[in-house]
Amino acid sequence: MRKVKALVLSGYGINCEGEMAHGALLGGAEVTTVHAKAWLLGKINLLDYQFLLFPGGFSFGDELGAGKAFANRISFSGLKDELLAFIEKGGCILGVCNGFQILVKLGILPGMGSAALIKNEKGRFESRWVHQNVPPSKSIFTQGLTELYLPIRHGEGNFVARNHKLLQKNGQIALQYTENPNGSILSISGVSDPTGRVLGMMPHPEAALFFTQRPEWIREKEKMKRSNLPLPKEGPGLALFKNAINYLGQL
């Protein structure tokens, strides 16, 4: 099994790069974190890596809309073609929250027709832990999973798509809220591209790498103690990193 090289972008208002890098590291990858400016200036070659991570945050202060300015910088730097070549070569991409918004604005996700992440239906910022179903899909990130419990924190997470029925038919809906917090069509919280190797999601797996990050972990600890069960170490989010890195390591 080869050592997977992961590249985590930082800077310009991204604020979850540390957690994303740690998730990739725990998943078994060799991790490099760089300021996105280095990539935009052509100092980084994506094809030297197999796993690219767009963390969450508020890139460029969400000017023009969440993820729009960053997506424009990528497009105007001529790097969208490099992203497409990275995917064509077999690379995996994970975009979380603002990273998801960037990939949608670029048209990388869902990869067909038009889609957008617009303001939450209730017009307010949502910050809480949410349950999600994991339907059968093409996504290599979610294989073997049936449900996830992860935190969200966003104001523009309402996923809309003209061809949402086609996404469903093609197996590109990777995650769905059990109780929709933002109005997303079909309760979608994550989608993949047609290859299954690019995943965008609003919930934050990097904020749920350890069991002790769960908000009710102390209560759960007592239940397990009384049932003589061992306390889990891993949180639900780590599985997504492991799945991608294991997949890439076997290529």
Protein backbone atom coordinates (compact mmCIF):
# COMPACT_ATOMS: atom_id res chain seq x y z
CA MET A 1 0.00 0.00 0.00
CA ARG A 2 1.55 3.29 -1.10
CA LYS A 3 1.89 6.35 1.13
CA VAL A 4 -0.75 8.88 0.14
CA LYS A 5 0.27 12.53 -0.13
CA ALA A 6 -2.40 14.98 1.02
CA LEU A 7 -2.41 18.73 0.38
CA VAL A 8 -4.41 21.02 2.69
CA LEU A 9 -5.06 24.61 1.63
CA SER A 10 -4.94 27.47 4.14
CA GLY A 11 -5.13 31.27 4.16
CA TYR A 12 -7.52 33.89 2.79
CA GLY A 13 -9.97 33.30 5.66
CA ILE A 14 -9.86 29.50 5.76
CA ASN A 15 -9.88 28.56 9.45
CA CYS A 16 -10.21 24.76 9.70
CA GLU A 17 -6.94 23.74 8.04
CA GLY A 18 -5.41 22.40 11.28
CA GLU A 19 -8.27 20.02 11.94
CA MET A 20 -8.43 18.92 8.28
CA ALA A 21 -4.70 18.22 8.26
CA HIS A 22 -5.00 16.23 11.48
CA GLY A 23 -7.84 14.18 10.02
CA ALA A 24 -5.75 13.29 6.98
CA LEU A 25 -2.78 12.50 9.22
CA LEU A 26 -4.84 10.20 11.45
CA GLY A 27 -6.22 8.60 8.30
CA GLY A 28 -2.70 7.58 7.32
CA ALA A 29 -1.61 10.25 4.83
CA GLU A 30 1.56 12.28 4.57
CA VAL A 31 0.22 15.81 4.96
CA THR A 32 1.41 19.16 3.62
CA THR A 33 -0.40 22.40 4.51
CA VAL A 34 0.23 25.39 2.25
CA HIS A 35 -1.11 28.90 1.90
CA ALA A 36 -3.43 28.89 -1.11
CA LYS A 37 -1.45 31.80 -2.56
CA ALA A 38 1.42 29.40 -3.31
CA TRP A 39 -0.90 27.31 -5.46
CA LEU A 40 -2.49 30.33 -7.14
CA LEU A 41 0.99 31.59 -8.06
CA GLY A 42 1.92 28.26 -9.61
CA LYS A 43 4.42 27.26 -6.91
CA ILE A 44 2.53 24.06 -6.10
CA ASN A 45 1.83 21.26 -8.55
CA LEU A 46 -1.35 19.42 -7.59
CA LEU A 47 -0.22 16.38 -9.54
CA ASP A 48 2.48 15.79 -6.90
CA TYR A 49 -0.36 14.84 -4.52
CA GLN A 50 -3.23 12.37 -4.48
CA PHE A 51 -5.59 13.97 -1.94
CA LEU A 52 -6.60 17.65 -1.99
CA LEU A 53 -8.53 19.20 0.89
CA PHE A 54 -10.49 22.47 0.85
CA PRO A 55 -11.22 23.25 4.53
CA GLY A 56 -14.05 25.31 5.92
CA GLY A 57 -13.93 28.94 6.99
CA PHE A 58 -14.92 32.28 5.53
CA SER A 59 -12.64 32.69 2.52
CA PHE A 60 -12.30 36.34 1.51
CA GLY A 61 -14.90 37.19 4.15
CA ASP A 62 -17.65 35.59 2.03
CA GLU A 63 -17.55 38.65 -0.24
CA LEU A 64 -19.77 38.17 -3.32
CA GLY A 65 -21.26 35.13 -1.56
CA ALA A 66 -19.69 32.21 0.28
CA GLY A 67 -16.82 30.70 -1.72
CA LYS A 68 -17.36 32.95 -4.76
CA ALA A 69 -14.22 35.10 -4.49
CA PHE A 70 -11.97 32.09 -3.91
CA ALA A 71 -13.56 30.25 -6.85
CA ASN A 72 -12.98 33.34 -9.01
CA ARG A 73 -9.32 33.47 -8.00
CA ILE A 74 -8.90 29.83 -9.01
CA SER A 75 -10.67 30.37 -12.34
CA PHE A 76 -8.84 33.60 -13.19
CA SER A 77 -5.50 31.97 -12.32
CA GLY A 78 -6.23 29.29 -14.90
CA LEU A 79 -6.15 26.55 -12.27
CA LYS A 80 -9.55 25.02 -12.83
CA ASP A 81 -8.01 22.96 -15.64
CA GLU A 82 -5.36 21.75 -13.19
CA LEU A 83 -8.12 20.66 -10.80
CA LEU A 84 -9.84 18.76 -13.60
CA ALA A 85 -6.53 17.12 -14.56
CA PHE A 86 -6.00 16.16 -10.91
CA ILE A 87 -9.39 14.43 -10.88
CA GLU A 88 -8.78 12.81 -14.26
CA LYS A 89 -5.50 11.38 -12.95
CA GLY A 90 -7.40 9.67 -10.12
CA GLY A 91 -7.00 12.17 -7.29
CA CYS A 92 -9.53 12.67 -4.50
CA ILE A 93 -10.87 16.01 -3.29
CA LEU A 94 -12.72 16.78 -0.06
CA GLY A 95 -14.41 20.17 0.29
CA VAL A 96 -16.02 20.93 3.64
CA CYS A 97 -18.46 23.80 4.24
CA ASN A 98 -16.72 26.77 2.58
CA GLY A 99 -14.68 24.23 0.62
CA PHE A 100 -17.92 22.70 -0.64
CA GLN A 101 -19.16 26.16 -1.60
CA ILE A 102 -15.95 26.81 -3.56
CA LEU A 103 -16.23 23.53 -5.48
CA VAL A 104 -19.87 24.24 -6.35
CA LYS A 105 -19.06 27.78 -7.50
CA LEU A 106 -16.32 26.32 -9.71
CA GLY A 107 -18.73 23.82 -11.24
CA ILE A 108 -16.58 20.89 -10.06
CA LEU A 109 -19.57 19.78 -8.01
CA PRO A 110 -21.93 18.26 -8.74
CA GLY A 111 -20.29 18.14 -12.17
CA MET A 112 -23.49 18.31 -14.18
CA GLY A 113 -26.10 20.99 -14.67
CA SER A 114 -26.42 23.96 -12.34
CA ALA A 115 -26.32 23.90 -8.56
CA ALA A 116 -25.77 26.38 -5.75
CA LEU A 117 -25.50 26.70 -2.00
CA ILE A 118 -27.70 29.62 -1.02
CA LYS A 119 -28.74 31.26 2.25
CA ASN A 120 -30.36 28.99 4.81
CA GLU A 121 -34.12 28.84 4.50
CA LYS A 122 -34.66 30.34 7.96
CA GLY A 123 -32.26 33.19 7.20
CA ARG A 124 -29.95 32.51 10.12
CA PHE A 125 -26.58 30.94 10.84
CA GLU A 126 -26.90 27.29 11.92
CA SER A 127 -24.42 25.87 14.43
CA ARG A 128 -25.22 22.47 15.96
CA TRP A 129 -24.63 18.74 15.65
CA VAL A 130 -26.87 16.96 13.17
CA HIS A 131 -27.67 13.38 12.22
CA GLN A 132 -27.36 12.28 8.62
CA ASN A 133 -28.27 9.25 6.59
CA VAL A 134 -25.68 7.84 4.21
CA PRO A 135 -27.53 6.51 1.15
CA PRO A 136 -25.88 4.12 -1.30
CA SER A 137 -23.79 6.29 -3.64
CA LYS A 138 -20.71 6.46 -5.85
CA SER A 139 -18.72 8.28 -3.17
CA ILE A 140 -15.57 6.45 -2.11
CA PHE A 141 -15.61 8.54 1.09
CA THR A 142 -18.82 7.06 2.49
CA GLN A 143 -18.48 3.39 1.59
CA GLY A 144 -19.49 1.12 4.47
CA LEU A 145 -21.26 3.92 6.34
CA THR A 146 -24.99 4.13 7.00
CA GLU A 147 -25.25 7.18 9.26
CA LEU A 148 -23.13 10.04 10.58
CA TYR A 149 -23.39 12.51 13.45
CA LEU A 150 -21.42 15.68 12.70
CA PRO A 151 -21.49 19.41 13.49
CA ILE A 152 -22.63 22.10 11.06
CA ARG A 153 -21.85 25.82 11.20
CA HIS A 154 -22.95 27.79 8.17
CA GLY A 155 -25.22 30.54 6.89
CA GLU A 156 -25.29 29.48 3.23
CA GLY A 157 -25.81 25.72 3.20
CA ASN A 158 -29.13 25.42 1.39
CA PHE A 159 -28.28 23.15 -1.55
CA VAL A 160 -30.35 23.67 -4.68
CA ALA A 161 -29.91 21.91 -8.03
CA ARG A 162 -31.86 22.02 -11.25
CA ASN A 163 -31.14 18.34 -11.93
CA HIS A 164 -31.55 16.98 -8.41
CA LYS A 165 -33.46 13.95 -9.67
CA LEU A 166 -30.55 13.13 -11.98
CA LEU A 167 -28.14 13.40 -9.05
CA GLN A 168 -30.29 10.88 -7.21
CA LYS A 169 -30.43 8.57 -10.22
CA ASN A 170 -26.65 8.78 -10.72
CA GLY A 171 -25.85 7.96 -7.10
CA GLN A 172 -24.23 11.32 -6.42
CA ILE A 173 -26.15 12.16 -3.25
CA ALA A 174 -23.65 11.13 -0.59
CA LEU A 175 -25.23 12.52 2.60
CA GLN A 176 -28.73 13.59 3.67
CA TYR A 177 -29.91 15.28 6.85
CA THR A 178 -32.42 13.32 8.91
CA GLU A 179 -33.88 16.67 10.04
CA ASN A 180 -33.20 19.34 7.43
CA PRO A 181 -31.66 22.43 9.12
CA ASN A 182 -31.34 24.72 6.10
CA GLY A 183 -33.93 23.82 3.45
CA SER A 184 -31.66 21.83 1.12
CA ILE A 185 -33.52 20.00 -1.62
CA LEU A 186 -33.93 16.30 -0.76
CA SER A 187 -32.27 17.19 2.59
CA ILE A 188 -28.89 16.97 0.83
CA SER A 189 -25.86 17.67 3.02
CA GLY A 190 -23.19 16.23 0.74
CA VAL A 191 -22.75 15.37 -2.94
CA SER A 192 -20.10 13.68 -5.02
CA ASP A 193 -19.00 14.26 -8.58
CA PRO A 194 -19.72 11.60 -11.24
CA THR A 195 -16.43 9.79 -10.44
CA GLY A 196 -17.23 9.41 -6.73
CA ARG A 197 -13.76 10.75 -5.86
CA VAL A 198 -14.78 14.34 -5.14
CA LEU A 199 -16.98 14.99 -2.11
CA GLY A 200 -18.45 18.27 -0.97
CA MET A 201 -20.31 18.44 2.33
CA MET A 202 -21.61 21.10 4.69
CA PRO A 203 -21.08 19.16 7.97
CA HIS A 204 -17.56 19.17 9.43
CA PRO A 205 -15.98 15.68 9.71
CA GLU A 206 -12.70 17.25 10.85
CA ALA A 207 -14.51 18.52 13.96
CA ALA A 208 -15.55 14.98 14.90
CA LEU A 209 -12.31 13.02 14.78
CA PHE A 210 -12.55 11.87 18.39
CA PHE A 211 -15.40 10.39 20.40
CA THR A 212 -14.80 13.00 23.11
CA GLN A 213 -15.74 15.78 20.69
CA ARG A 214 -19.35 14.63 20.67
CA PRO A 215 -21.49 17.00 22.78
CA GLU A 216 -23.05 14.15 24.79
CA TRP A 217 -19.88 12.09 25.22
CA ILE A 218 -19.87 12.26 29.05
CA ARG A 219 -23.39 10.84 29.24
CA GLU A 220 -22.45 8.17 26.70
CA LYS A 221 -19.32 7.38 28.70
CA GLU A 222 -21.43 6.65 31.78
CA LYS A 223 -23.78 4.41 29.78
CA MET A 224 -20.85 2.43 28.42
CA LYS A 225 -19.23 2.20 31.82
CA ARG A 226 -22.41 0.73 33.33
CA SER A 227 -22.64 -1.73 30.44
CA ASN A 228 -18.96 -2.69 30.75
CA LEU A 229 -18.27 -1.44 27.23
CA PRO A 230 -14.98 0.20 26.19
CA LEU A 231 -15.05 3.91 25.40
CA PRO A 232 -14.49 4.48 21.66
CA LYS A 233 -11.53 6.65 20.71
CA GLU A 234 -12.51 7.59 17.18
CA GLY A 235 -15.22 10.05 16.26
CA PRO A 236 -17.59 9.56 13.34
CA GLY A 237 -15.79 12.00 11.05
CA LEU A 238 -12.53 10.07 10.87
CA ALA A 239 -14.06 7.31 8.73
CA LEU A 240 -14.37 9.67 5.75
CA PHE A 241 -10.64 10.44 5.81
CA LYS A 242 -9.72 6.79 6.26
CA ASN A 243 -11.93 5.65 3.40
CA ALA A 244 -10.38 8.11 0.94
CA ILE A 245 -6.80 7.42 2.02
CA ASN A 246 -7.27 3.64 2.01
CA TYR A 247 -8.78 3.89 -1.46
CA LEU A 248 -5.87 5.97 -2.77
CA GLY A 249 -3.29 3.80 -1.06
CA GLN A 250 -4.45 0.74 -2.95
CA LEU A 251 -4.21 2.32 -6.42
